[in-house]
Amino acid sequence: MKHNYLLAVLLAGALSQHAQAQLAAWRPFRPGFVYGFAQPASPSTLHTLRVDSAYATVSGDSVYTFNRLMRPISGSTALHGKSRNNLLGARLRWQPGTRDFYLEANAEPAFGAAPAATLLLRPTVAVGSTWAASTLPALTATLSSRTLSSVGTAPDSLATITLSNGQTLILSKHYGLVQGPQWLTLATGGNTWYQPSVPQAGLGFYDPLKLFVLNAGDELGYDLLDYSWGSGSLICSWGYMLRRITSRQLTADSLVIRYAEQRRATRGGAPGCAAAGTTIFPASTGRWAISLRTGRSAQFLPFTLLTGEYTSIGPNSTPVLLTGRSVGTQAGSSGCLANAQIIQFAPMYPYQNQANVYSSGLDDAAYINAFTPSLGLGIITISSTVNRDYALTYYRRNGVACGSPAHFSTLLPSRAAEAAAAATLYPNPAAEAATLTLAAPTCPGTVLTLTDALGRRVWSHEVAPAQTSLPIALAGQAAGLYLVRLLAPGAAPLTWKLNHGLAGL
């Protein structure tokens, strides 16, 4: 019996230590994760933030810093652009050796009238415990409950903390602040934000491998509308733009996509617009390059928001501040685009020439880029100015089409025309051999193949780099129609028809 009693004591002690370790292991935010917050009244719109860093202060505290968002100025429509405050605060601070967390708001009072505020959160105290949570304003907090529940679909321990002003915060052991008041103003009322889904590691919704699931040969077709300057409603022209992906390349850090595009515009001759007529613009090429690690991109400057930084760009060299809008759903004009999940971006403009102060005003609708992580098609709507709208209404991906290609059939050269421009095949018909002469040297990894009329590959050859003249041996092959195909890494295949032994036909 004595041994059983000692064993029970040791077991109870071990369990107690395990429980204490579990309580001390609360780490609500994790660096490099993207967290999304919504309001109960509009759950389909998701505002995102990322924990950019975790570092130790001089006092030894561990600090989790959130990415920057705009902060409004009291009594004004303007917003400060250099504050690290976001929807729920500026940062979360934890002092090693304790189980206390300090959620800090208005951490940079120099940028506004609101003084700094600190809210003490204690998710591991006994349920029912009350403590002094804030001195500005004076608030107490009570741990109302600590239960096993879930964040989105992920099970986790949730601590509910009720403030003396009636506001409620819910802290998750592993997934951050599940619910809290907007801007942590610590005032009665105001909007409540909550996490409807599990936080995502890395770039989350902004991961280029989710936004750009496009390969060589895929097509994107846009409807175009141009409005008269000033009215914003009088249509000057309408038309179409076809964008065809020519190559996709993954490096250690980046995703690089190249494309060709061409557009056609028809003008109606409305007052204040150009004369009536139709213009087919020359085909052009473009390139997208996005970092897989940081999301940085010279073509998509709003992606830099995830690093907690802002970029000044704008038409006519006007400095603007690009700020993330929201993630939500939007109905498309084509059935397969309907209710696609989207990410939207828009800029802020300088407010009365004040440093670090910006305002959206009437320009809030300008330069919007909308992406779809659910479809992976990249840009689905573009509004480069308040007077121009592009909307994706057709795409072809991996040979499967969505929407009607009718308006885009005359745009961009056909595959046959592309092949003709890339090389010439001579002689054709050919008896013993033919030569494919390329307009540009081959790159490493290029393969030349010969396929018969039944689709069987009868000959294949890996071409050395920097070649422009490629011989094709036909000796021993049965007479008939063959397909010569050039396969280059990251580019769409090019195909030529070759007649062998049919010179008399």
Protein backbone atom coordinates (compact mmCIF):
# COMPACT_ATOMS: atom_id res chain seq x y z
CA MET A 1 0.00 0.00 0.00
CA LYS A 2 2.87 2.35 0.91
CA HIS A 3 4.46 1.78 -2.48
CA ASN A 4 1.12 2.40 -4.23
CA TYR A 5 0.72 5.65 -2.29
CA LEU A 6 4.20 6.85 -3.30
CA LEU A 7 3.52 5.86 -6.92
CA ALA A 8 0.27 7.84 -6.85
CA VAL A 9 2.07 10.89 -5.42
CA LEU A 10 4.81 10.68 -8.05
CA LEU A 11 2.24 10.22 -10.81
CA ALA A 12 0.21 13.18 -9.55
CA GLY A 13 3.37 15.28 -9.45
CA ALA A 14 4.29 14.28 -12.98
CA LEU A 15 0.81 15.09 -14.22
CA SER A 16 0.93 18.42 -12.42
CA GLN A 17 4.28 19.27 -14.04
CA HIS A 18 2.88 18.24 -17.42
CA ALA A 19 -0.16 20.43 -16.87
CA GLN A 20 2.06 23.35 -15.84
CA ALA A 21 4.21 22.83 -18.93
CA GLN A 22 1.11 22.81 -21.09
CA LEU A 23 -0.12 26.05 -19.53
CA ALA A 24 3.28 27.69 -20.00
CA ALA A 25 3.44 26.60 -23.64
CA TRP A 26 0.91 29.16 -24.87
CA ARG A 27 2.37 30.94 -27.91
CA PRO A 28 -0.66 32.56 -29.53
CA PHE A 29 1.04 34.03 -32.62
CA ARG A 30 3.64 32.51 -34.89
CA PRO A 31 6.01 34.47 -37.17
CA GLY A 32 5.44 33.93 -40.88
CA PHE A 33 1.72 33.04 -40.54
CA VAL A 34 -1.07 34.99 -42.25
CA TYR A 35 -4.11 35.59 -40.04
CA GLY A 36 -7.51 36.56 -41.45
CA PHE A 37 -10.19 38.49 -39.57
CA ALA A 38 -13.82 39.18 -40.43
CA GLN A 39 -16.81 40.91 -38.84
CA PRO A 40 -19.94 38.92 -37.92
CA ALA A 41 -22.04 41.13 -40.21
CA SER A 42 -19.82 40.42 -43.28
CA PRO A 43 -18.09 37.04 -42.84
CA SER A 44 -17.28 36.75 -46.57
CA THR A 45 -14.87 39.71 -46.41
CA LEU A 46 -11.58 38.79 -44.80
CA HIS A 47 -8.92 41.33 -43.76
CA THR A 48 -5.48 39.84 -43.36
CA LEU A 49 -2.39 40.48 -41.24
CA ARG A 50 0.88 38.64 -40.87
CA VAL A 51 3.18 38.28 -37.88
CA ASP A 52 6.36 39.59 -39.43
CA SER A 53 8.89 39.02 -36.68
CA ALA A 54 9.58 37.70 -33.21
CA TYR A 55 12.45 39.25 -31.30
CA ALA A 56 13.72 39.92 -27.79
CA THR A 57 13.73 43.39 -26.26
CA VAL A 58 16.46 44.84 -24.03
CA SER A 59 14.49 43.67 -21.01
CA GLY A 60 14.37 40.14 -22.41
CA ASP A 61 10.71 40.21 -23.40
CA SER A 62 9.69 38.30 -26.52
CA VAL A 63 7.80 40.49 -29.00
CA TYR A 64 5.60 39.40 -31.91
CA THR A 65 5.19 42.29 -34.38
CA PHE A 66 2.21 42.48 -36.75
CA ASN A 67 2.30 43.95 -40.24
CA ARG A 68 1.34 47.58 -40.77
CA LEU A 69 -2.12 48.78 -41.72
CA MET A 70 -3.58 52.26 -41.99
CA ARG A 71 -4.75 54.00 -38.81
CA PRO A 72 -7.39 56.78 -38.87
CA ILE A 73 -6.76 60.24 -37.45
CA SER A 74 -9.33 61.42 -34.92
CA GLY A 75 -11.82 63.85 -36.47
CA SER A 76 -10.44 63.48 -40.01
CA THR A 77 -10.87 61.35 -43.12
CA ALA A 78 -7.09 60.99 -43.37
CA LEU A 79 -5.08 57.98 -42.24
CA HIS A 80 -1.54 57.59 -40.96
CA GLY A 81 0.68 55.35 -43.05
CA LYS A 82 3.65 54.60 -40.81
CA SER A 83 1.95 53.04 -37.81
CA ARG A 84 2.39 49.37 -37.01
CA ASN A 85 -1.12 49.27 -35.58
CA ASN A 86 -3.58 46.93 -37.23
CA LEU A 87 -7.08 45.69 -36.58
CA LEU A 88 -6.30 44.31 -33.15
CA GLY A 89 -3.17 46.10 -31.96
CA ALA A 90 0.45 46.74 -32.83
CA ARG A 91 2.21 43.79 -31.23
CA LEU A 92 1.98 41.00 -28.67
CA ARG A 93 4.64 40.99 -25.93
CA TRP A 94 5.46 38.07 -23.64
CA GLN A 95 7.83 38.12 -20.69
CA PRO A 96 9.80 34.86 -20.35
CA GLY A 97 9.22 33.03 -17.07
CA THR A 98 5.62 34.27 -16.87
CA ARG A 99 2.30 33.29 -18.41
CA ASP A 100 1.32 36.90 -19.10
CA PHE A 101 0.79 38.43 -22.54
CA TYR A 102 0.62 42.16 -23.25
CA LEU A 103 -1.39 43.19 -26.33
CA GLU A 104 -0.24 46.69 -27.23
CA ALA A 105 -2.15 49.27 -29.28
CA ASN A 106 -1.21 52.80 -30.38
CA ALA A 107 2.39 51.76 -29.92
CA GLU A 108 3.51 54.80 -31.93
CA PRO A 109 1.61 57.74 -30.37
CA ALA A 110 3.75 60.23 -32.31
CA PHE A 111 1.58 59.49 -35.34
CA GLY A 112 -1.73 60.33 -33.68
CA ALA A 113 -3.50 61.82 -30.71
CA ALA A 114 -4.32 58.48 -29.09
CA PRO A 115 -1.86 57.56 -26.30
CA ALA A 116 -0.22 54.16 -26.09
CA ALA A 117 -2.34 51.42 -24.53
CA THR A 118 -1.38 48.04 -23.08
CA LEU A 119 -3.80 45.24 -22.28
CA LEU A 120 -2.64 42.43 -19.97
CA LEU A 121 -3.98 38.98 -20.95
CA ARG A 122 -3.65 35.95 -18.66
CA PRO A 123 -5.01 32.86 -20.44
CA THR A 124 -3.56 30.33 -17.96
CA VAL A 125 -4.85 31.63 -14.59
CA ALA A 126 -7.65 29.84 -12.77
CA VAL A 127 -11.05 30.32 -14.37
CA GLY A 128 -12.87 33.12 -12.57
CA SER A 129 -9.69 35.04 -11.71
CA THR A 130 -9.75 38.84 -12.06
CA TRP A 131 -6.79 41.20 -12.52
CA ALA A 132 -5.96 44.81 -13.43
CA ALA A 133 -5.69 44.69 -17.24
CA SER A 134 -5.19 48.31 -18.27
CA THR A 135 -4.52 51.69 -16.69
CA LEU A 136 -5.43 53.78 -19.75
CA PRO A 137 -8.33 53.43 -19.51
CA ALA A 138 -8.66 51.72 -16.13
CA LEU A 139 -10.00 48.23 -16.83
CA THR A 140 -10.10 44.90 -15.06
CA ALA A 141 -10.25 41.53 -16.81
CA THR A 142 -11.72 38.17 -15.83
CA LEU A 143 -10.91 34.76 -17.28
CA SER A 144 -14.47 33.63 -17.97
CA SER A 145 -13.62 30.20 -19.38
CA ARG A 146 -10.88 28.02 -20.83
CA THR A 147 -12.21 25.26 -23.06
CA LEU A 148 -11.20 22.91 -25.85
CA SER A 149 -12.86 24.29 -28.98
CA SER A 150 -11.66 25.10 -32.51
CA VAL A 151 -10.33 27.85 -34.75
CA GLY A 152 -11.91 27.19 -38.10
CA THR A 153 -11.51 23.40 -38.35
CA ALA A 154 -8.46 23.12 -36.07
CA PRO A 155 -9.05 22.05 -32.44
CA ASP A 156 -7.30 24.16 -29.82
CA SER A 157 -7.54 25.54 -26.27
CA LEU A 158 -9.44 28.84 -26.16
CA ALA A 159 -9.37 31.29 -23.25
CA THR A 160 -12.26 33.77 -23.03
CA ILE A 161 -11.37 37.03 -21.26
CA THR A 162 -14.10 39.55 -20.36
CA LEU A 163 -13.17 43.20 -19.74
CA SER A 164 -14.96 45.41 -17.23
CA ASN A 165 -16.30 47.59 -20.09
CA GLY A 166 -18.16 44.60 -21.55
CA GLN A 167 -15.75 43.78 -24.38
CA THR A 168 -14.68 40.17 -24.88
CA LEU A 169 -11.40 38.74 -26.15
CA ILE A 170 -10.79 35.10 -27.03
CA LEU A 171 -7.18 33.92 -27.12
CA SER A 172 -6.13 30.68 -28.80
CA LYS A 173 -3.18 28.67 -27.55
CA HIS A 174 -1.70 28.21 -31.01
CA TYR A 175 -3.68 30.40 -33.44
CA GLY A 176 -3.59 33.91 -32.04
CA LEU A 177 -6.35 36.27 -31.00
CA VAL A 178 -9.56 34.60 -32.16
CA GLN A 179 -11.79 37.54 -31.27
CA GLY A 180 -11.21 41.12 -30.19
CA PRO A 181 -12.41 44.73 -30.53
CA GLN A 182 -11.37 46.84 -33.51
CA TRP A 183 -8.14 48.84 -33.05
CA LEU A 184 -8.18 47.95 -29.35
CA THR A 185 -9.64 51.37 -28.61
CA LEU A 186 -10.75 49.83 -25.28
CA ALA A 187 -13.92 51.91 -25.49
CA THR A 188 -17.48 50.64 -25.16
CA GLY A 189 -18.95 49.62 -28.51
CA GLY A 190 -17.04 49.41 -31.76
CA ASN A 191 -16.62 46.56 -34.21
CA THR A 192 -15.62 43.06 -33.19
CA TRP A 193 -13.24 41.02 -35.34
CA TYR A 194 -12.87 37.24 -35.32
CA GLN A 195 -10.93 34.51 -37.13
CA PRO A 196 -13.26 32.36 -39.26
CA SER A 197 -10.50 30.05 -40.54
CA VAL A 198 -7.18 28.50 -39.56
CA PRO A 199 -4.13 30.79 -40.06
CA GLN A 200 -1.94 29.88 -43.02
CA ALA A 201 1.82 29.45 -43.02
CA GLY A 202 4.04 31.36 -45.41
CA LEU A 203 2.29 33.81 -47.73
CA GLY A 204 -1.16 32.33 -47.15
CA PHE A 205 -3.72 33.85 -49.51
CA TYR A 206 -0.91 35.70 -51.28
CA ASP A 207 1.12 32.62 -52.23
CA PRO A 208 2.01 33.05 -55.95
CA LEU A 209 1.81 29.29 -56.46
CA LYS A 210 -1.89 29.56 -55.54
CA LEU A 211 -2.56 32.81 -57.42
CA PHE A 212 -0.84 31.84 -60.69
CA VAL A 213 -1.65 28.23 -61.57
CA LEU A 214 -0.87 28.92 -65.23
CA ASN A 215 1.28 27.05 -67.73
CA ALA A 216 2.56 27.62 -71.25
CA GLY A 217 -0.32 27.64 -73.73
CA ASP A 218 -2.99 28.75 -71.23
CA GLU A 219 -5.12 31.74 -72.28
CA LEU A 220 -6.90 34.58 -70.45
CA GLY A 221 -9.53 36.72 -72.21
CA TYR A 222 -10.67 40.11 -70.82
CA ASP A 223 -13.55 42.41 -71.68
CA LEU A 224 -12.43 46.07 -71.74
CA LEU A 225 -14.37 49.26 -71.04
CA ASP A 226 -12.98 52.81 -71.23
CA TYR A 227 -14.90 55.77 -69.86
CA SER A 228 -14.61 59.47 -70.62
CA TRP A 229 -12.46 61.44 -68.20
CA GLY A 230 -14.51 63.40 -65.70
CA SER A 231 -17.88 61.72 -66.14
CA GLY A 232 -16.79 58.25 -65.06
CA SER A 233 -19.91 56.77 -66.67
CA LEU A 234 -19.91 57.68 -70.39
CA ILE A 235 -18.43 54.77 -72.35
CA CYS A 236 -15.87 55.88 -74.94
CA SER A 237 -14.79 52.44 -76.16
CA TRP A 238 -15.21 48.75 -75.54
CA GLY A 239 -13.09 45.83 -76.63
CA TYR A 240 -11.22 42.66 -75.77
CA MET A 241 -7.72 41.58 -74.74
CA LEU A 242 -6.25 38.09 -75.08
CA ARG A 243 -3.28 37.08 -72.95
CA ARG A 244 -1.47 33.81 -73.72
CA ILE A 245 1.08 32.28 -71.36
CA THR A 246 4.31 31.51 -73.22
CA SER A 247 6.45 30.11 -70.40
CA ARG A 248 6.47 29.29 -66.68
CA GLN A 249 9.68 28.95 -64.69
CA LEU A 250 10.29 28.13 -61.02
CA THR A 251 13.61 29.12 -59.47
CA ALA A 252 14.82 28.64 -55.91
CA ASP A 253 13.13 31.90 -54.89
CA SER A 254 10.79 33.07 -57.63
CA LEU A 255 7.95 32.20 -59.96
CA VAL A 256 8.47 33.77 -63.40
CA ILE A 257 5.67 33.76 -65.99
CA ARG A 258 5.98 35.23 -69.48
CA TYR A 259 3.06 35.99 -71.74
CA ALA A 260 1.99 37.56 -75.04
CA GLU A 261 -1.07 39.78 -75.31
CA GLN A 262 -3.06 41.73 -77.87
CA ARG A 263 -6.19 43.88 -77.66
CA ARG A 264 -8.88 45.29 -79.92
CA ALA A 265 -10.89 48.43 -79.13
CA THR A 266 -14.03 49.82 -80.79
CA ARG A 267 -14.93 53.49 -80.33
CA GLY A 268 -18.52 54.71 -80.56
CA GLY A 269 -17.71 58.39 -81.12
CA ALA A 270 -19.54 59.61 -77.99
CA PRO A 271 -19.18 63.28 -77.01
CA GLY A 272 -15.82 63.97 -75.39
CA CYS A 273 -14.37 60.72 -76.79
CA ALA A 274 -12.22 59.85 -79.82
CA ALA A 275 -13.75 59.44 -83.26
CA ALA A 276 -15.64 56.24 -84.06
CA GLY A 277 -13.63 53.31 -85.35
CA THR A 278 -11.88 50.04 -84.45
CA THR A 279 -8.19 49.61 -83.62
CA ILE A 280 -6.30 46.33 -83.35
CA PHE A 281 -3.16 47.02 -81.35
CA PRO A 282 0.16 45.24 -82.08
CA ALA A 283 0.88 42.13 -80.04
CA SER A 284 3.24 42.67 -77.10
CA THR A 285 4.93 40.58 -74.44
CA GLY A 286 5.11 40.82 -70.66
CA ARG A 287 6.63 39.15 -67.62
CA TRP A 288 5.51 38.50 -64.03
CA ALA A 289 8.09 37.66 -61.37
CA ILE A 290 7.07 37.07 -57.75
CA SER A 291 9.27 35.96 -54.85
CA LEU A 292 8.14 32.65 -53.34
CA ARG A 293 9.68 33.64 -49.99
CA THR A 294 8.52 37.23 -49.44
CA GLY A 295 5.81 37.81 -52.05
CA ARG A 296 7.69 40.81 -53.42
CA SER A 297 7.02 41.63 -57.06
CA ALA A 298 7.92 44.59 -59.26
CA GLN A 299 4.72 43.99 -61.25
CA PHE A 300 2.41 43.58 -58.22
CA LEU A 301 3.59 46.14 -55.71
CA PRO A 302 0.71 45.56 -53.24
CA PHE A 303 2.22 42.13 -52.44
CA THR A 304 4.95 43.94 -50.46
CA LEU A 305 2.34 44.70 -47.81
CA LEU A 306 3.04 41.36 -46.23
CA THR A 307 6.51 42.54 -45.26
CA GLY A 308 5.05 45.47 -43.34
CA GLU A 309 6.30 47.99 -45.90
CA TYR A 310 4.69 50.48 -48.27
CA THR A 311 5.70 51.58 -51.74
CA SER A 312 5.16 54.99 -53.34
CA ILE A 313 4.19 54.85 -57.02
CA GLY A 314 1.50 56.37 -59.16
CA PRO A 315 0.48 57.80 -62.54
CA ASN A 316 2.44 60.92 -63.54
CA SER A 317 4.91 60.17 -60.71
CA THR A 318 2.26 60.94 -58.08
CA PRO A 319 3.31 59.19 -54.84
CA VAL A 320 0.67 56.82 -53.60
CA LEU A 321 0.53 54.30 -50.81
CA LEU A 322 -0.62 50.84 -51.83
CA THR A 323 -2.70 49.16 -49.16
CA GLY A 324 -4.42 45.77 -49.11
CA ARG A 325 -8.18 45.80 -49.34
CA SER A 326 -9.80 42.48 -48.52
CA VAL A 327 -10.25 38.84 -49.36
CA GLY A 328 -13.81 37.82 -50.18
CA THR A 329 -16.04 36.48 -52.94
CA GLN A 330 -17.24 38.12 -56.13
CA ALA A 331 -19.64 36.97 -58.83
CA GLY A 332 -18.03 36.74 -62.26
CA SER A 333 -19.73 37.37 -65.59
CA SER A 334 -19.10 33.78 -66.66
CA GLY A 335 -20.50 30.73 -64.91
CA CYS A 336 -17.12 29.23 -63.98
CA LEU A 337 -15.98 32.57 -62.56
CA ALA A 338 -19.07 33.09 -60.43
CA ASN A 339 -18.42 33.45 -56.69
CA ALA A 340 -14.66 33.10 -57.17
CA GLN A 341 -12.66 33.94 -54.08
CA ILE A 342 -10.75 37.17 -54.71
CA ILE A 343 -8.07 39.40 -53.23
CA GLN A 344 -8.32 43.12 -54.01
CA PHE A 345 -5.80 45.94 -53.69
CA ALA A 346 -6.12 49.71 -53.98
CA PRO A 347 -3.93 52.79 -53.28
CA MET A 348 -4.09 55.69 -50.88
CA TYR A 349 -3.10 59.21 -51.98
CA PRO A 350 -1.24 61.93 -50.01
CA TYR A 351 -3.48 64.02 -47.79
CA GLN A 352 -2.87 67.78 -48.16
CA ASN A 353 0.88 67.21 -48.59
CA GLN A 354 1.25 65.99 -45.01
CA ALA A 355 4.11 63.58 -44.36
CA ASN A 356 3.01 59.96 -43.82
CA VAL A 357 -0.66 60.96 -44.03
CA TYR A 358 -2.88 59.52 -46.75
CA SER A 359 -6.50 59.60 -47.83
CA SER A 360 -8.55 57.38 -50.12
CA GLY A 361 -11.22 59.89 -51.16
CA LEU A 362 -12.53 59.51 -54.70
CA ASP A 363 -9.34 57.74 -55.74
CA ASP A 364 -10.06 54.72 -53.56
CA ALA A 365 -11.35 52.83 -56.62
CA ALA A 366 -8.18 53.44 -58.62
CA TYR A 367 -5.59 50.86 -59.56
CA ILE A 368 -7.49 47.88 -58.20
CA ASN A 369 -6.06 44.45 -58.93
CA ALA A 370 -8.23 41.47 -58.04
CA PHE A 371 -6.68 37.99 -57.86
CA THR A 372 -8.28 34.62 -57.28
CA PRO A 373 -6.53 32.09 -55.04
CA SER A 374 -9.44 29.69 -55.52
CA LEU A 375 -9.05 29.55 -59.33
CA GLY A 376 -5.34 30.31 -59.55
CA LEU A 377 -5.73 32.46 -62.66
CA GLY A 378 -3.83 35.49 -61.49
CA ILE A 379 -5.51 38.81 -62.30
CA ILE A 380 -9.26 38.47 -62.87
CA THR A 381 -10.20 42.16 -62.77
CA ILE A 382 -8.10 45.26 -63.35
CA SER A 383 -8.96 48.91 -62.90
CA SER A 384 -5.75 50.75 -63.74
CA THR A 385 -7.56 54.07 -63.42
CA VAL A 386 -11.07 55.10 -62.42
CA ASN A 387 -11.78 55.27 -66.17
CA ARG A 388 -10.82 51.76 -67.27
CA ASP A 389 -12.11 48.31 -66.31
CA TYR A 390 -10.78 44.91 -67.40
CA ALA A 391 -12.80 41.83 -66.46
CA LEU A 392 -11.83 38.19 -67.12
CA THR A 393 -14.65 36.51 -69.06
CA TYR A 394 -12.82 33.64 -70.78
CA TYR A 395 -9.92 31.35 -70.01
CA ARG A 396 -8.43 28.14 -71.36
CA ARG A 397 -6.26 26.15 -68.99
CA ASN A 398 -4.74 22.72 -69.66
CA GLY A 399 -6.94 22.52 -72.76
CA VAL A 400 -10.18 23.10 -70.82
CA ALA A 401 -12.08 26.30 -71.70
CA CYS A 402 -14.43 28.44 -69.63
CA GLY A 403 -16.49 31.18 -71.25
CA SER A 404 -16.75 31.98 -74.95
CA PRO A 405 -13.58 32.49 -77.04
CA ALA A 406 -15.54 34.09 -79.90
CA HIS A 407 -14.39 37.67 -79.25
CA PHE A 408 -10.73 36.62 -78.94
CA SER A 409 -10.31 34.38 -82.00
CA THR A 410 -8.67 37.11 -84.11
CA LEU A 411 -6.21 38.19 -81.40
CA LEU A 412 -2.61 36.90 -81.14
CA PRO A 413 -1.14 34.74 -83.86
CA SER A 414 -2.21 31.09 -84.05
CA ARG A 415 0.03 28.26 -82.93
CA ALA A 416 0.81 27.53 -86.59
CA ALA A 417 1.84 31.15 -87.13
CA GLU A 418 4.01 31.02 -83.99
CA ALA A 419 5.72 27.88 -85.27
CA ALA A 420 6.25 29.44 -88.69
CA ALA A 421 7.85 32.50 -87.10
CA ALA A 422 10.07 30.37 -84.84
CA ALA A 423 11.58 28.12 -87.54
CA THR A 424 11.45 26.87 -91.12
CA LEU A 425 11.36 23.18 -92.13
CA TYR A 426 13.08 22.31 -95.43
CA PRO A 427 12.75 20.40 -97.66
CA ASN A 428 9.09 19.54 -97.24
CA PRO A 429 8.18 17.01 -98.64
CA ALA A 430 11.46 15.25 -97.82
CA ALA A 431 12.90 11.92 -98.91
CA GLU A 432 15.87 11.03 -96.66
CA ALA A 433 16.26 13.99 -94.30
CA ALA A 434 14.98 17.49 -93.46
CA THR A 435 16.41 20.43 -91.50
CA LEU A 436 14.64 22.63 -88.96
CA THR A 437 16.25 26.08 -89.00
CA LEU A 438 15.47 28.12 -85.87
CA ALA A 439 15.15 31.89 -85.59
CA ALA A 440 16.76 31.79 -82.11
CA PRO A 441 19.36 29.42 -80.56
CA THR A 442 18.12 26.51 -78.47
CA CYS A 443 18.29 26.59 -74.67
CA PRO A 444 19.53 23.70 -72.47
CA GLY A 445 17.08 20.83 -72.15
CA THR A 446 15.46 21.30 -75.57
CA VAL A 447 14.17 18.09 -77.20
CA LEU A 448 13.22 17.49 -80.85
CA THR A 449 10.77 14.65 -81.60
CA LEU A 450 9.18 13.01 -84.63
CA THR A 451 5.65 11.54 -84.32
CA ASP A 452 3.75 9.53 -86.93
CA ALA A 453 0.12 10.00 -87.97
CA LEU A 454 -1.02 7.60 -85.23
CA GLY A 455 0.60 9.72 -82.49
CA ARG A 456 3.50 7.33 -81.92
CA ARG A 457 6.88 8.89 -81.19
CA VAL A 458 9.30 7.27 -83.69
CA TRP A 459 12.35 9.46 -83.07
CA SER A 460 13.61 11.74 -80.31
CA HIS A 461 16.79 13.74 -79.86
CA GLU A 462 18.02 16.05 -77.07
CA VAL A 463 19.46 19.12 -78.73
CA ALA A 464 22.70 20.70 -77.59
CA PRO A 465 22.38 24.32 -76.36
CA ALA A 466 22.83 27.29 -78.72
CA GLN A 467 21.89 25.37 -81.88
CA THR A 468 19.94 26.91 -84.78
CA SER A 469 20.12 24.11 -87.40
CA LEU A 470 18.55 20.79 -86.39
CA PRO A 471 18.78 17.81 -88.81
CA ILE A 472 15.94 15.27 -88.90
CA ALA A 473 16.79 11.80 -90.23
CA LEU A 474 13.97 10.03 -92.12
CA ALA A 475 15.85 6.99 -93.46
CA GLY A 476 14.04 3.79 -92.51
CA GLN A 477 10.77 5.55 -91.70
CA ALA A 478 7.63 4.59 -93.58
CA ALA A 479 6.26 7.12 -96.03
CA GLY A 480 3.50 9.32 -94.63
CA LEU A 481 2.65 12.45 -92.66
CA TYR A 482 4.74 13.21 -89.55
CA LEU A 483 4.74 15.87 -86.86
CA VAL A 484 8.01 17.53 -85.88
CA ARG A 485 7.75 18.91 -82.32
CA LEU A 486 10.21 21.14 -80.49
CA LEU A 487 9.99 20.97 -76.68
CA ALA A 488 11.84 23.68 -74.76
CA PRO A 489 11.77 23.98 -70.92
CA GLY A 490 9.07 26.40 -69.73
CA ALA A 491 7.75 27.14 -73.24
CA ALA A 492 4.72 25.95 -75.19
CA PRO A 493 5.52 23.12 -77.66
CA LEU A 494 5.93 24.14 -81.32
CA THR A 495 4.80 21.75 -84.06
CA TRP A 496 5.39 21.49 -87.83
CA LYS A 497 3.88 19.05 -90.34
CA LEU A 498 6.40 17.08 -92.44
CA ASN A 499 5.59 14.96 -95.52
CA HIS A 500 7.97 12.02 -96.00
CA GLY A 501 8.13 10.22 -99.33
CA LEU A 502 5.04 12.06 -100.67
CA ALA A 503 6.77 14.34 -103.18
CA GLY A 504 4.70 13.00 -106.06
CA LEU A 505 1.32 13.79 -104.40
